């Protein structure tokens, strides 16, 4: 979802940095670029290490949620031409699901705010699995819930960890390139795009 469907990675990175500031630490938002796509615990601990802080995780999460929700309300937008692409897929009878490392409340807000929920048959979030990307557990769960074999599924991802998870689930993948993943190795994808018009216009089939 984040970065692939919606332009939220930069918002999440800034929210993490601003939350660290409430604990007296000034960190560069760009440190999020190296851990984007990993589990929330991995990301949070990376920020704690870079900021040299040891906050109570529940208190940190509470403060982050307030900051992130406010930023989403003010700034969140869908990625270029994603709504048209999803509409085309739905009209063609394609089955769609979302597999996200984000918490359910994050997915719920994004879907509600941008009215995306009706496109997707299933949603897998952080709470549904015990192992997170690059582990394939979330994708394997999605395949199981959709009763689909990996050969019938194409995954869209925006992080190296996500592409590894897709490969380990034996699925082909397309990478979505944006400003926060320019340093990620996207070579596992069969194609890389930065606008869904590249598919809608038949540049990639």
N, C-alpha and C. Protein backbone atom coordinates (compact mmCIF):
# COMPACT_ATOMS: atom_id res chain seq x y z
N UNK A 1 0.83 -1.20 0.00
CA UNK A 1 0.00 0.00 0.00
C UNK A 1 0.86 1.25 0.00
N UNK A 2 1.63 1.45 1.10
CA UNK A 2 2.46 2.66 1.20
C UNK A 2 3.50 2.69 0.09
N UNK A 3 3.50 3.78 -0.66
CA UNK A 3 4.48 3.93 -1.73
C UNK A 3 4.05 3.29 -3.03
N UNK A 4 3.27 2.23 -2.97
CA UNK A 4 2.86 1.51 -4.17
C UNK A 4 1.49 2.00 -4.66
N UNK A 5 0.53 2.07 -3.76
CA UNK A 5 -0.79 2.60 -4.10
C UNK A 5 -0.87 4.10 -3.85
N UNK A 6 -0.27 4.54 -2.76
CA UNK A 6 -0.41 5.94 -2.34
C UNK A 6 0.96 6.55 -2.03
N UNK A 7 1.02 7.87 -2.16
CA UNK A 7 2.27 8.60 -1.96
C UNK A 7 2.42 8.94 -0.47
N UNK A 8 2.70 7.90 0.31
CA UNK A 8 2.71 8.08 1.77
C UNK A 8 4.06 7.86 2.43
N UNK A 9 5.05 7.33 1.70
CA UNK A 9 6.32 7.03 2.36
C UNK A 9 7.00 8.30 2.88
N UNK A 10 6.96 9.37 2.12
CA UNK A 10 7.58 10.60 2.60
C UNK A 10 6.84 11.14 3.82
N UNK A 11 5.52 10.93 3.86
CA UNK A 11 4.74 11.39 5.00
C UNK A 11 5.09 10.57 6.23
N UNK A 12 5.23 9.25 6.05
CA UNK A 12 5.57 8.38 7.18
C UNK A 12 6.96 8.72 7.70
N UNK A 13 7.90 8.95 6.79
CA UNK A 13 9.26 9.30 7.21
C UNK A 13 9.29 10.58 8.02
N UNK A 14 8.58 11.61 7.55
CA UNK A 14 8.54 12.88 8.29
C UNK A 14 7.83 12.72 9.62
N UNK A 15 6.80 11.89 9.66
CA UNK A 15 6.08 11.66 10.92
C UNK A 15 6.98 10.97 11.95
N UNK A 16 7.78 10.02 11.49
CA UNK A 16 8.72 9.35 12.38
C UNK A 16 9.74 10.34 12.92
N UNK A 17 10.27 11.19 12.04
CA UNK A 17 11.25 12.17 12.49
C UNK A 17 10.64 13.17 13.47
N UNK A 18 9.41 13.61 13.19
CA UNK A 18 8.75 14.56 14.10
C UNK A 18 8.44 13.92 15.44
N UNK A 19 8.09 12.63 15.42
CA UNK A 19 7.83 11.94 16.69
C UNK A 19 9.11 11.85 17.51
N UNK A 20 10.23 11.58 16.87
CA UNK A 20 11.52 11.56 17.58
C UNK A 20 11.80 12.93 18.20
N UNK A 21 11.41 13.99 17.53
CA UNK A 21 11.64 15.34 18.05
C UNK A 21 10.87 15.58 19.34
N UNK A 22 9.71 14.92 19.48
CA UNK A 22 8.95 15.08 20.73
C UNK A 22 9.65 14.41 21.90
N UNK A 23 10.64 13.57 21.60
CA UNK A 23 11.46 12.95 22.64
C UNK A 23 12.84 13.62 22.73
N UNK A 24 12.96 14.81 22.11
CA UNK A 24 14.17 15.60 22.23
C UNK A 24 15.27 15.26 21.25
N UNK A 25 14.95 14.51 20.18
CA UNK A 25 15.98 14.09 19.23
C UNK A 25 15.69 14.65 17.83
N UNK A 26 16.72 15.16 17.19
CA UNK A 26 16.60 15.70 15.84
C UNK A 26 17.24 14.70 14.87
N UNK A 27 16.44 14.07 14.02
CA UNK A 27 16.97 13.09 13.07
C UNK A 27 16.57 13.49 11.65
N UNK A 28 17.37 13.05 10.70
CA UNK A 28 17.13 13.33 9.29
C UNK A 28 16.07 12.38 8.76
N UNK A 29 15.04 12.93 8.16
CA UNK A 29 13.95 12.12 7.61
C UNK A 29 14.46 11.10 6.59
N UNK A 30 15.58 11.41 5.95
CA UNK A 30 16.10 10.52 4.90
C UNK A 30 16.60 9.18 5.42
N UNK A 31 16.78 9.04 6.73
CA UNK A 31 17.20 7.73 7.25
C UNK A 31 16.10 6.70 7.05
N UNK A 32 14.87 7.17 6.81
CA UNK A 32 13.77 6.24 6.55
C UNK A 32 13.95 5.51 5.23
N UNK A 33 14.67 6.13 4.30
CA UNK A 33 14.84 5.53 2.97
C UNK A 33 15.53 4.17 3.03
N UNK A 34 16.40 3.98 4.02
CA UNK A 34 17.17 2.73 4.09
C UNK A 34 16.37 1.58 4.69
N UNK A 35 15.31 1.89 5.45
CA UNK A 35 14.55 0.83 6.14
C UNK A 35 13.10 0.74 5.66
N UNK A 36 12.72 1.60 4.74
CA UNK A 36 11.36 1.58 4.19
C UNK A 36 11.01 0.19 3.68
N UNK A 37 9.82 -0.28 4.04
CA UNK A 37 9.38 -1.60 3.60
C UNK A 37 9.61 -2.70 4.62
N UNK A 38 10.42 -2.41 5.64
CA UNK A 38 10.66 -3.39 6.69
C UNK A 38 9.52 -3.35 7.72
N UNK A 39 9.57 -4.26 8.69
CA UNK A 39 8.53 -4.29 9.73
C UNK A 39 8.57 -3.01 10.56
N UNK A 40 7.45 -2.69 11.18
CA UNK A 40 7.37 -1.48 11.99
C UNK A 40 8.40 -1.49 13.12
N UNK A 41 8.57 -2.61 13.78
CA UNK A 41 9.55 -2.69 14.88
C UNK A 41 10.95 -2.41 14.37
N UNK A 42 11.28 -2.94 13.20
CA UNK A 42 12.61 -2.72 12.61
C UNK A 42 12.80 -1.24 12.30
N UNK A 43 11.78 -0.63 11.71
CA UNK A 43 11.86 0.79 11.34
C UNK A 43 11.99 1.66 12.58
N UNK A 44 11.12 1.41 13.57
CA UNK A 44 11.15 2.23 14.79
C UNK A 44 12.48 2.11 15.50
N UNK A 45 12.99 0.91 15.63
CA UNK A 45 14.27 0.72 16.32
C UNK A 45 15.42 1.37 15.56
N UNK A 46 15.34 1.41 14.24
CA UNK A 46 16.36 2.10 13.46
C UNK A 46 16.35 3.60 13.79
N UNK A 47 15.18 4.18 13.89
CA UNK A 47 15.07 5.59 14.25
C UNK A 47 15.57 5.83 15.67
N UNK A 48 15.24 4.92 16.58
CA UNK A 48 15.71 5.08 17.96
C UNK A 48 17.24 5.08 18.02
N UNK A 49 17.84 4.17 17.26
CA UNK A 49 19.30 4.05 17.24
C UNK A 49 19.94 5.31 16.65
N UNK A 50 19.40 5.78 15.52
CA UNK A 50 19.95 6.98 14.89
C UNK A 50 19.73 8.22 15.73
N UNK A 51 18.63 8.24 16.48
CA UNK A 51 18.31 9.41 17.31
C UNK A 51 18.92 9.32 18.72
N UNK A 52 19.50 8.17 19.03
CA UNK A 52 20.09 7.94 20.37
C UNK A 52 19.05 8.15 21.47
N UNK A 53 17.88 7.54 21.28
CA UNK A 53 16.82 7.62 22.28
C UNK A 53 16.32 6.21 22.61
N UNK A 54 15.73 6.06 23.76
CA UNK A 54 15.15 4.79 24.18
C UNK A 54 13.75 5.04 24.74
N UNK A 55 12.82 5.48 23.90
CA UNK A 55 11.48 5.80 24.39
C UNK A 55 10.67 4.55 24.70
N UNK A 56 9.66 4.71 25.54
CA UNK A 56 8.68 3.65 25.72
C UNK A 56 7.97 3.47 24.38
N UNK A 57 7.96 2.25 23.86
CA UNK A 57 7.44 2.01 22.52
C UNK A 57 5.96 2.34 22.41
N UNK A 58 5.19 2.08 23.45
CA UNK A 58 3.76 2.39 23.39
C UNK A 58 3.53 3.89 23.34
N UNK A 59 4.33 4.64 24.12
CA UNK A 59 4.21 6.09 24.10
C UNK A 59 4.65 6.65 22.75
N UNK A 60 5.73 6.09 22.20
CA UNK A 60 6.18 6.52 20.88
C UNK A 60 5.09 6.27 19.84
N UNK A 61 4.50 5.08 19.86
CA UNK A 61 3.47 4.74 18.88
C UNK A 61 2.25 5.65 19.00
N UNK A 62 1.88 6.01 20.23
CA UNK A 62 0.74 6.89 20.46
C UNK A 62 1.00 8.27 19.86
N UNK A 63 2.20 8.80 20.11
CA UNK A 63 2.55 10.11 19.57
C UNK A 63 2.66 10.07 18.05
N UNK A 64 3.27 9.00 17.54
CA UNK A 64 3.40 8.86 16.09
C UNK A 64 2.03 8.81 15.42
N UNK A 65 1.12 8.04 15.98
CA UNK A 65 -0.21 7.89 15.37
C UNK A 65 -0.90 9.23 15.22
N UNK A 66 -0.83 10.07 16.24
CA UNK A 66 -1.47 11.39 16.17
C UNK A 66 -0.84 12.25 15.08
N UNK A 67 0.48 12.28 15.04
CA UNK A 67 1.19 13.09 14.04
C UNK A 67 0.92 12.56 12.64
N UNK A 68 1.02 11.24 12.46
CA UNK A 68 0.85 10.65 11.14
C UNK A 68 -0.58 10.82 10.62
N UNK A 69 -1.56 10.63 11.48
CA UNK A 69 -2.95 10.79 11.04
C UNK A 69 -3.22 12.21 10.58
N UNK A 70 -2.67 13.19 11.29
CA UNK A 70 -2.88 14.59 10.90
C UNK A 70 -2.21 14.88 9.57
N UNK A 71 -1.00 14.36 9.37
CA UNK A 71 -0.31 14.58 8.10
C UNK A 71 -1.03 13.90 6.94
N UNK A 72 -1.54 12.69 7.17
CA UNK A 72 -2.28 12.00 6.11
C UNK A 72 -3.50 12.82 5.69
N UNK A 73 -4.22 13.35 6.65
CA UNK A 73 -5.41 14.14 6.35
C UNK A 73 -5.07 15.35 5.50
N UNK A 74 -3.91 15.93 5.73
CA UNK A 74 -3.54 17.16 5.03
C UNK A 74 -2.85 16.90 3.69
N UNK A 75 -2.14 15.77 3.55
CA UNK A 75 -1.23 15.64 2.42
C UNK A 75 -1.40 14.39 1.55
N UNK A 76 -2.12 13.38 2.01
CA UNK A 76 -2.15 12.10 1.30
C UNK A 76 -2.78 12.20 -0.08
N UNK A 77 -2.11 11.61 -1.06
CA UNK A 77 -2.64 11.53 -2.43
C UNK A 77 -2.38 10.12 -2.98
N UNK A 78 -3.21 9.66 -3.90
CA UNK A 78 -2.93 8.38 -4.57
C UNK A 78 -1.76 8.56 -5.52
N UNK A 79 -1.09 7.48 -5.85
CA UNK A 79 -0.01 7.55 -6.83
C UNK A 79 -0.57 7.84 -8.22
N UNK A 80 0.26 8.37 -9.10
CA UNK A 80 -0.21 8.77 -10.44
C UNK A 80 -0.95 7.66 -11.18
N UNK A 81 -2.23 7.95 -11.50
CA UNK A 81 -3.07 7.08 -12.33
C UNK A 81 -3.38 5.72 -11.71
N UNK A 82 -3.20 5.57 -10.39
CA UNK A 82 -3.49 4.28 -9.76
C UNK A 82 -4.99 4.00 -9.76
N UNK A 83 -5.81 5.01 -9.57
CA UNK A 83 -7.26 4.78 -9.53
C UNK A 83 -7.75 4.29 -10.88
N UNK A 84 -7.25 4.87 -11.96
CA UNK A 84 -7.62 4.41 -13.30
C UNK A 84 -7.17 2.99 -13.55
N UNK A 85 -5.99 2.65 -13.06
CA UNK A 85 -5.47 1.30 -13.22
C UNK A 85 -6.31 0.29 -12.44
N UNK A 86 -6.64 0.61 -11.19
CA UNK A 86 -7.47 -0.29 -10.38
C UNK A 86 -8.85 -0.45 -10.99
N UNK A 87 -9.39 0.64 -11.51
CA UNK A 87 -10.71 0.57 -12.16
C UNK A 87 -10.67 -0.35 -13.38
N UNK A 88 -9.61 -0.25 -14.17
CA UNK A 88 -9.46 -1.12 -15.34
C UNK A 88 -9.38 -2.58 -14.93
N UNK A 89 -8.60 -2.86 -13.88
CA UNK A 89 -8.46 -4.24 -13.41
C UNK A 89 -9.80 -4.79 -12.91
N UNK A 90 -10.52 -3.97 -12.15
CA UNK A 90 -11.81 -4.42 -11.61
C UNK A 90 -12.80 -4.69 -12.73
N UNK A 91 -12.82 -3.82 -13.72
CA UNK A 91 -13.75 -4.01 -14.85
C UNK A 91 -13.39 -5.24 -15.66
N UNK A 92 -12.10 -5.62 -15.63
CA UNK A 92 -11.65 -6.81 -16.35
C UNK A 92 -11.84 -8.09 -15.53
N UNK A 93 -12.39 -7.94 -14.33
CA UNK A 93 -12.67 -9.11 -13.49
C UNK A 93 -11.48 -9.65 -12.73
N UNK A 94 -10.42 -8.85 -12.64
CA UNK A 94 -9.24 -9.30 -11.90
C UNK A 94 -9.49 -9.23 -10.40
N UNK A 95 -8.95 -10.21 -9.68
CA UNK A 95 -9.09 -10.25 -8.23
C UNK A 95 -7.89 -9.52 -7.63
N UNK A 96 -8.18 -8.68 -6.63
CA UNK A 96 -7.12 -7.85 -6.07
C UNK A 96 -7.11 -7.91 -4.55
N UNK A 97 -5.90 -7.86 -4.01
CA UNK A 97 -5.73 -7.83 -2.57
C UNK A 97 -4.58 -6.89 -2.21
N UNK A 98 -4.55 -6.50 -0.96
CA UNK A 98 -3.46 -5.66 -0.45
C UNK A 98 -2.72 -6.40 0.65
N UNK A 99 -1.40 -6.40 0.55
CA UNK A 99 -0.55 -6.99 1.57
C UNK A 99 0.37 -5.89 2.07
N UNK A 100 0.17 -5.45 3.31
CA UNK A 100 0.91 -4.32 3.84
C UNK A 100 1.59 -4.66 5.15
N UNK A 101 2.79 -4.08 5.35
CA UNK A 101 3.47 -4.20 6.64
C UNK A 101 2.92 -3.20 7.65
N UNK A 102 2.03 -2.33 7.19
CA UNK A 102 1.47 -1.29 8.06
C UNK A 102 0.42 -1.88 9.00
N UNK A 103 0.19 -1.17 10.09
CA UNK A 103 -0.86 -1.55 11.03
C UNK A 103 -2.23 -1.34 10.39
N UNK A 104 -3.21 -2.07 10.91
CA UNK A 104 -4.56 -2.00 10.34
C UNK A 104 -5.12 -0.59 10.37
N UNK A 105 -4.83 0.17 11.43
CA UNK A 105 -5.39 1.53 11.51
C UNK A 105 -4.84 2.42 10.40
N UNK A 106 -3.60 2.19 10.00
CA UNK A 106 -3.02 2.97 8.91
C UNK A 106 -3.72 2.64 7.59
N UNK A 107 -3.91 1.35 7.34
CA UNK A 107 -4.58 0.92 6.12
C UNK A 107 -6.01 1.44 6.09
N UNK A 108 -6.69 1.34 7.22
CA UNK A 108 -8.09 1.80 7.30
C UNK A 108 -8.19 3.28 6.98
N UNK A 109 -7.29 4.09 7.53
CA UNK A 109 -7.37 5.53 7.27
C UNK A 109 -7.11 5.84 5.80
N UNK A 110 -6.08 5.23 5.24
CA UNK A 110 -5.76 5.48 3.83
C UNK A 110 -6.92 5.08 2.93
N UNK A 111 -7.46 3.89 3.15
CA UNK A 111 -8.56 3.40 2.31
C UNK A 111 -9.81 4.25 2.46
N UNK A 112 -10.12 4.65 3.69
CA UNK A 112 -11.29 5.47 3.93
C UNK A 112 -11.12 6.86 3.32
N UNK A 113 -9.96 7.43 3.51
CA UNK A 113 -9.70 8.79 3.04
C UNK A 113 -9.73 8.89 1.52
N UNK A 114 -9.17 7.88 0.84
CA UNK A 114 -9.08 7.92 -0.62
C UNK A 114 -10.11 7.02 -1.31
N UNK A 115 -10.98 6.40 -0.50
CA UNK A 115 -12.07 5.57 -1.04
C UNK A 115 -11.54 4.45 -1.95
N UNK A 116 -10.60 3.66 -1.41
CA UNK A 116 -9.99 2.59 -2.18
C UNK A 116 -10.46 1.19 -1.79
N UNK A 117 -11.16 1.07 -0.67
CA UNK A 117 -11.47 -0.24 -0.10
C UNK A 117 -12.23 -1.15 -1.06
N UNK A 118 -13.14 -0.59 -1.84
CA UNK A 118 -14.00 -1.42 -2.69
C UNK A 118 -13.25 -2.14 -3.81
N UNK A 119 -12.04 -1.74 -4.07
CA UNK A 119 -11.27 -2.39 -5.12
C UNK A 119 -10.73 -3.76 -4.68
N UNK A 120 -10.61 -3.97 -3.37
CA UNK A 120 -9.83 -5.11 -2.89
C UNK A 120 -10.68 -6.17 -2.18
N UNK A 121 -10.41 -7.40 -2.55
CA UNK A 121 -11.13 -8.55 -2.00
C UNK A 121 -10.61 -8.92 -0.62
N UNK A 122 -9.30 -8.82 -0.42
CA UNK A 122 -8.70 -9.12 0.88
C UNK A 122 -7.67 -8.05 1.23
N UNK A 123 -7.44 -7.89 2.53
CA UNK A 123 -6.40 -6.99 3.04
C UNK A 123 -5.64 -7.71 4.14
N UNK A 124 -4.33 -7.79 3.98
CA UNK A 124 -3.45 -8.37 4.99
C UNK A 124 -2.64 -7.23 5.60
N UNK A 125 -2.63 -7.12 6.93
CA UNK A 125 -1.88 -6.07 7.61
C UNK A 125 -0.89 -6.67 8.60
N UNK A 126 -0.16 -5.80 9.24
CA UNK A 126 0.84 -6.18 10.24
C UNK A 126 0.29 -7.18 11.26
N UNK A 127 -0.95 -6.98 11.67
CA UNK A 127 -1.53 -7.79 12.73
C UNK A 127 -1.86 -9.22 12.29
N UNK A 128 -1.88 -9.48 11.00
CA UNK A 128 -2.29 -10.78 10.49
C UNK A 128 -1.16 -11.81 10.46
N UNK A 129 0.07 -11.36 10.66
CA UNK A 129 1.21 -12.27 10.54
C UNK A 129 2.17 -12.09 11.70
N UNK A 130 3.01 -13.08 11.90
CA UNK A 130 4.05 -13.00 12.94
C UNK A 130 5.42 -12.73 12.35
N UNK A 131 5.55 -12.92 11.04
CA UNK A 131 6.82 -12.66 10.36
C UNK A 131 6.55 -11.68 9.22
N UNK A 132 7.43 -10.73 9.07
CA UNK A 132 7.16 -9.62 8.15
C UNK A 132 8.18 -9.58 7.02
N UNK A 133 7.85 -8.86 5.96
CA UNK A 133 8.74 -8.73 4.81
C UNK A 133 10.16 -8.40 5.28
N UNK A 134 11.18 -9.05 4.74
CA UNK A 134 11.22 -9.85 3.52
C UNK A 134 10.72 -11.30 3.64
N UNK A 135 10.25 -11.72 4.81
CA UNK A 135 9.65 -13.04 4.92
C UNK A 135 8.36 -13.06 4.08
N UNK A 136 8.07 -14.16 3.39
CA UNK A 136 6.91 -14.21 2.50
C UNK A 136 5.59 -14.55 3.19
N UNK A 137 5.57 -14.65 4.52
CA UNK A 137 4.37 -15.13 5.21
C UNK A 137 3.11 -14.37 4.81
N UNK A 138 3.19 -13.06 4.72
CA UNK A 138 1.99 -12.26 4.40
C UNK A 138 1.49 -12.56 3.00
N UNK A 139 2.40 -12.72 2.05
CA UNK A 139 1.98 -13.04 0.68
C UNK A 139 1.44 -14.46 0.58
N UNK A 140 2.04 -15.37 1.30
CA UNK A 140 1.52 -16.75 1.30
C UNK A 140 0.12 -16.80 1.90
N UNK A 141 -0.10 -16.00 2.94
CA UNK A 141 -1.44 -15.92 3.53
C UNK A 141 -2.45 -15.37 2.53
N UNK A 142 -2.04 -14.35 1.79
CA UNK A 142 -2.92 -13.77 0.78
C UNK A 142 -3.26 -14.78 -0.30
N UNK A 143 -2.26 -15.53 -0.76
CA UNK A 143 -2.51 -16.56 -1.77
C UNK A 143 -3.51 -17.59 -1.26
N UNK A 144 -3.35 -17.95 -0.01
CA UNK A 144 -4.24 -18.94 0.60
C UNK A 144 -5.67 -18.41 0.69
N UNK A 145 -5.82 -17.17 1.12
CA UNK A 145 -7.16 -16.60 1.27
C UNK A 145 -7.85 -16.38 -0.07
N UNK A 146 -7.07 -16.15 -1.10
CA UNK A 146 -7.64 -15.98 -2.44
C UNK A 146 -7.77 -17.30 -3.18
N UNK A 147 -7.21 -18.37 -2.60
CA UNK A 147 -7.20 -19.69 -3.23
C UNK A 147 -6.59 -19.62 -4.62
N UNK A 148 -5.43 -18.93 -4.71
CA UNK A 148 -4.73 -18.77 -5.98
C UNK A 148 -3.32 -19.34 -5.88
N UNK A 149 -2.84 -19.88 -6.98
CA UNK A 149 -1.45 -20.33 -7.03
C UNK A 149 -0.57 -19.13 -7.36
N UNK A 150 0.69 -19.20 -6.97
CA UNK A 150 1.61 -18.08 -7.18
C UNK A 150 1.77 -17.74 -8.66
N UNK A 151 1.62 -18.72 -9.53
CA UNK A 151 1.79 -18.48 -10.97
C UNK A 151 0.67 -17.61 -11.55
N UNK A 152 -0.43 -17.45 -10.80
CA UNK A 152 -1.57 -16.66 -11.26
C UNK A 152 -1.55 -15.23 -10.72
N UNK A 153 -0.49 -14.90 -9.96
CA UNK A 153 -0.50 -13.64 -9.21
C UNK A 153 0.67 -12.75 -9.62
N UNK A 154 0.40 -11.46 -9.76
CA UNK A 154 1.44 -10.45 -9.99
C UNK A 154 1.40 -9.48 -8.82
N UNK A 155 2.56 -9.25 -8.23
CA UNK A 155 2.66 -8.39 -7.05
C UNK A 155 3.31 -7.05 -7.43
N UNK A 156 2.74 -5.96 -6.91
CA UNK A 156 3.34 -4.63 -7.08
C UNK A 156 3.98 -4.24 -5.76
N UNK A 157 5.23 -3.86 -5.80
CA UNK A 157 5.99 -3.54 -4.59
C UNK A 157 6.83 -2.27 -4.81
N UNK A 158 7.26 -1.69 -3.69
CA UNK A 158 8.11 -0.50 -3.81
C UNK A 158 9.37 -0.60 -2.95
N UNK A 159 9.64 -1.76 -2.37
CA UNK A 159 10.82 -1.89 -1.51
C UNK A 159 11.57 -3.17 -1.82
N UNK A 160 12.86 -3.15 -1.50
CA UNK A 160 13.67 -4.34 -1.69
C UNK A 160 13.15 -5.49 -0.85
N UNK A 161 12.78 -5.19 0.40
CA UNK A 161 12.25 -6.23 1.29
C UNK A 161 10.98 -6.84 0.72
N UNK A 162 10.11 -6.00 0.15
CA UNK A 162 8.87 -6.50 -0.43
C UNK A 162 9.11 -7.36 -1.65
N UNK A 163 10.07 -6.97 -2.48
CA UNK A 163 10.37 -7.76 -3.67
C UNK A 163 10.97 -9.11 -3.31
N UNK A 164 11.78 -9.14 -2.25
CA UNK A 164 12.32 -10.42 -1.78
C UNK A 164 11.19 -11.30 -1.28
N UNK A 165 10.24 -10.71 -0.54
CA UNK A 165 9.09 -11.47 -0.05
C UNK A 165 8.27 -12.03 -1.22
N UNK A 166 8.07 -11.22 -2.25
CA UNK A 166 7.33 -11.67 -3.42
C UNK A 166 8.05 -12.84 -4.10
N UNK A 167 9.35 -12.71 -4.26
CA UNK A 167 10.12 -13.79 -4.88
C UNK A 167 10.04 -15.07 -4.04
N UNK A 168 10.13 -14.92 -2.72
CA UNK A 168 10.09 -16.10 -1.84
C UNK A 168 8.70 -16.73 -1.79
N UNK A 169 7.68 -15.98 -2.26
CA UNK A 169 6.34 -16.54 -2.41
C UNK A 169 6.14 -17.09 -3.82
N UNK A 170 7.21 -17.06 -4.63
CA UNK A 170 7.21 -17.57 -6.01
C UNK A 170 6.28 -16.79 -6.93
N UNK A 171 6.17 -15.48 -6.67
CA UNK A 171 5.33 -14.62 -7.51
C UNK A 171 6.20 -13.64 -8.30
N UNK A 172 5.77 -13.33 -9.52
CA UNK A 172 6.38 -12.25 -10.27
C UNK A 172 5.99 -10.91 -9.65
N UNK A 173 6.82 -9.90 -9.88
CA UNK A 173 6.53 -8.60 -9.28
C UNK A 173 6.90 -7.47 -10.22
N UNK A 174 6.22 -6.34 -10.04
CA UNK A 174 6.55 -5.09 -10.70
C UNK A 174 6.89 -4.09 -9.61
N UNK A 175 7.98 -3.35 -9.79
CA UNK A 175 8.41 -2.37 -8.79
C UNK A 175 7.90 -0.98 -9.16
N UNK A 176 7.45 -0.25 -8.15
CA UNK A 176 7.03 1.14 -8.34
C UNK A 176 8.14 2.04 -7.78
N UNK A 177 8.73 2.84 -8.65
CA UNK A 177 9.86 3.70 -8.28
C UNK A 177 9.35 5.06 -7.80
N UNK A 178 9.91 5.54 -6.68
CA UNK A 178 9.59 6.89 -6.19
C UNK A 178 10.79 7.44 -5.45
N UNK A 179 10.65 8.66 -4.93
CA UNK A 179 11.80 9.35 -4.36
C UNK A 179 12.38 8.68 -3.12
N UNK A 180 11.59 7.89 -2.42
CA UNK A 180 12.07 7.30 -1.18
C UNK A 180 12.67 5.90 -1.36
N UNK A 181 12.61 5.34 -2.57
CA UNK A 181 13.22 4.01 -2.74
C UNK A 181 14.31 4.00 -3.81
N UNK A 182 14.85 5.17 -4.11
CA UNK A 182 15.85 5.24 -5.18
C UNK A 182 17.12 4.45 -4.85
N UNK A 183 17.36 4.19 -3.57
CA UNK A 183 18.54 3.42 -3.18
C UNK A 183 18.25 1.94 -2.97
N UNK A 184 17.00 1.53 -3.21
CA UNK A 184 16.64 0.12 -3.05
C UNK A 184 16.99 -0.66 -4.31
N UNK A 185 17.41 -1.90 -4.12
CA UNK A 185 17.66 -2.79 -5.25
C UNK A 185 16.33 -3.35 -5.73
N UNK A 186 15.90 -2.91 -6.89
CA UNK A 186 14.60 -3.33 -7.43
C UNK A 186 14.77 -4.35 -8.56
N UNK A 187 15.94 -4.93 -8.64
CA UNK A 187 16.26 -5.81 -9.78
C UNK A 187 15.48 -7.11 -9.79
N UNK A 188 14.85 -7.49 -8.68
CA UNK A 188 14.07 -8.72 -8.66
C UNK A 188 12.75 -8.58 -9.42
N UNK A 189 12.34 -7.35 -9.68
CA UNK A 189 11.08 -7.12 -10.40
C UNK A 189 11.25 -7.40 -11.88
N UNK A 190 10.17 -7.84 -12.51
CA UNK A 190 10.23 -8.08 -13.95
C UNK A 190 10.17 -6.77 -14.73
N UNK A 191 9.61 -5.72 -14.11
CA UNK A 191 9.58 -4.38 -14.69
C UNK A 191 9.60 -3.36 -13.55
N UNK A 192 10.00 -2.13 -13.87
CA UNK A 192 9.94 -1.02 -12.91
C UNK A 192 9.18 0.12 -13.56
N UNK A 193 8.22 0.69 -12.84
CA UNK A 193 7.43 1.81 -13.34
C UNK A 193 7.45 2.95 -12.32
N UNK A 194 7.05 4.14 -12.77
CA UNK A 194 6.91 5.27 -11.85
C UNK A 194 5.56 5.97 -12.03
N UNK A 195 4.75 5.41 -12.91
CA UNK A 195 3.41 5.94 -13.19
C UNK A 195 2.60 4.80 -13.78
N UNK A 196 1.38 4.60 -13.28
CA UNK A 196 0.58 3.48 -13.77
C UNK A 196 0.10 3.68 -15.20
N UNK A 197 0.30 4.86 -15.75
CA UNK A 197 0.00 5.07 -17.16
C UNK A 197 0.91 4.23 -18.05
N UNK A 198 2.07 3.85 -17.53
CA UNK A 198 2.98 3.01 -18.30
C UNK A 198 2.33 1.66 -18.61
N UNK A 199 1.40 1.25 -17.75
CA UNK A 199 0.65 0.01 -18.00
C UNK A 199 -0.63 0.34 -18.77
N UNK A 200 -1.32 1.39 -18.35
CA UNK A 200 -2.58 1.75 -18.98
C UNK A 200 -2.42 2.05 -20.47
N UNK A 201 -1.28 2.63 -20.82
CA UNK A 201 -1.02 2.97 -22.22
C UNK A 201 -0.34 1.84 -22.98
N UNK A 202 -0.16 0.71 -22.31
CA UNK A 202 0.39 -0.45 -23.00
C UNK A 202 1.88 -0.45 -23.16
N UNK A 203 2.59 0.45 -22.44
CA UNK A 203 4.05 0.46 -22.53
C UNK A 203 4.60 -0.83 -21.91
N UNK A 204 3.95 -1.26 -20.84
CA UNK A 204 4.28 -2.53 -20.20
C UNK A 204 3.04 -3.39 -20.24
N UNK A 205 3.18 -4.65 -20.65
CA UNK A 205 2.02 -5.54 -20.75
C UNK A 205 2.21 -6.74 -19.84
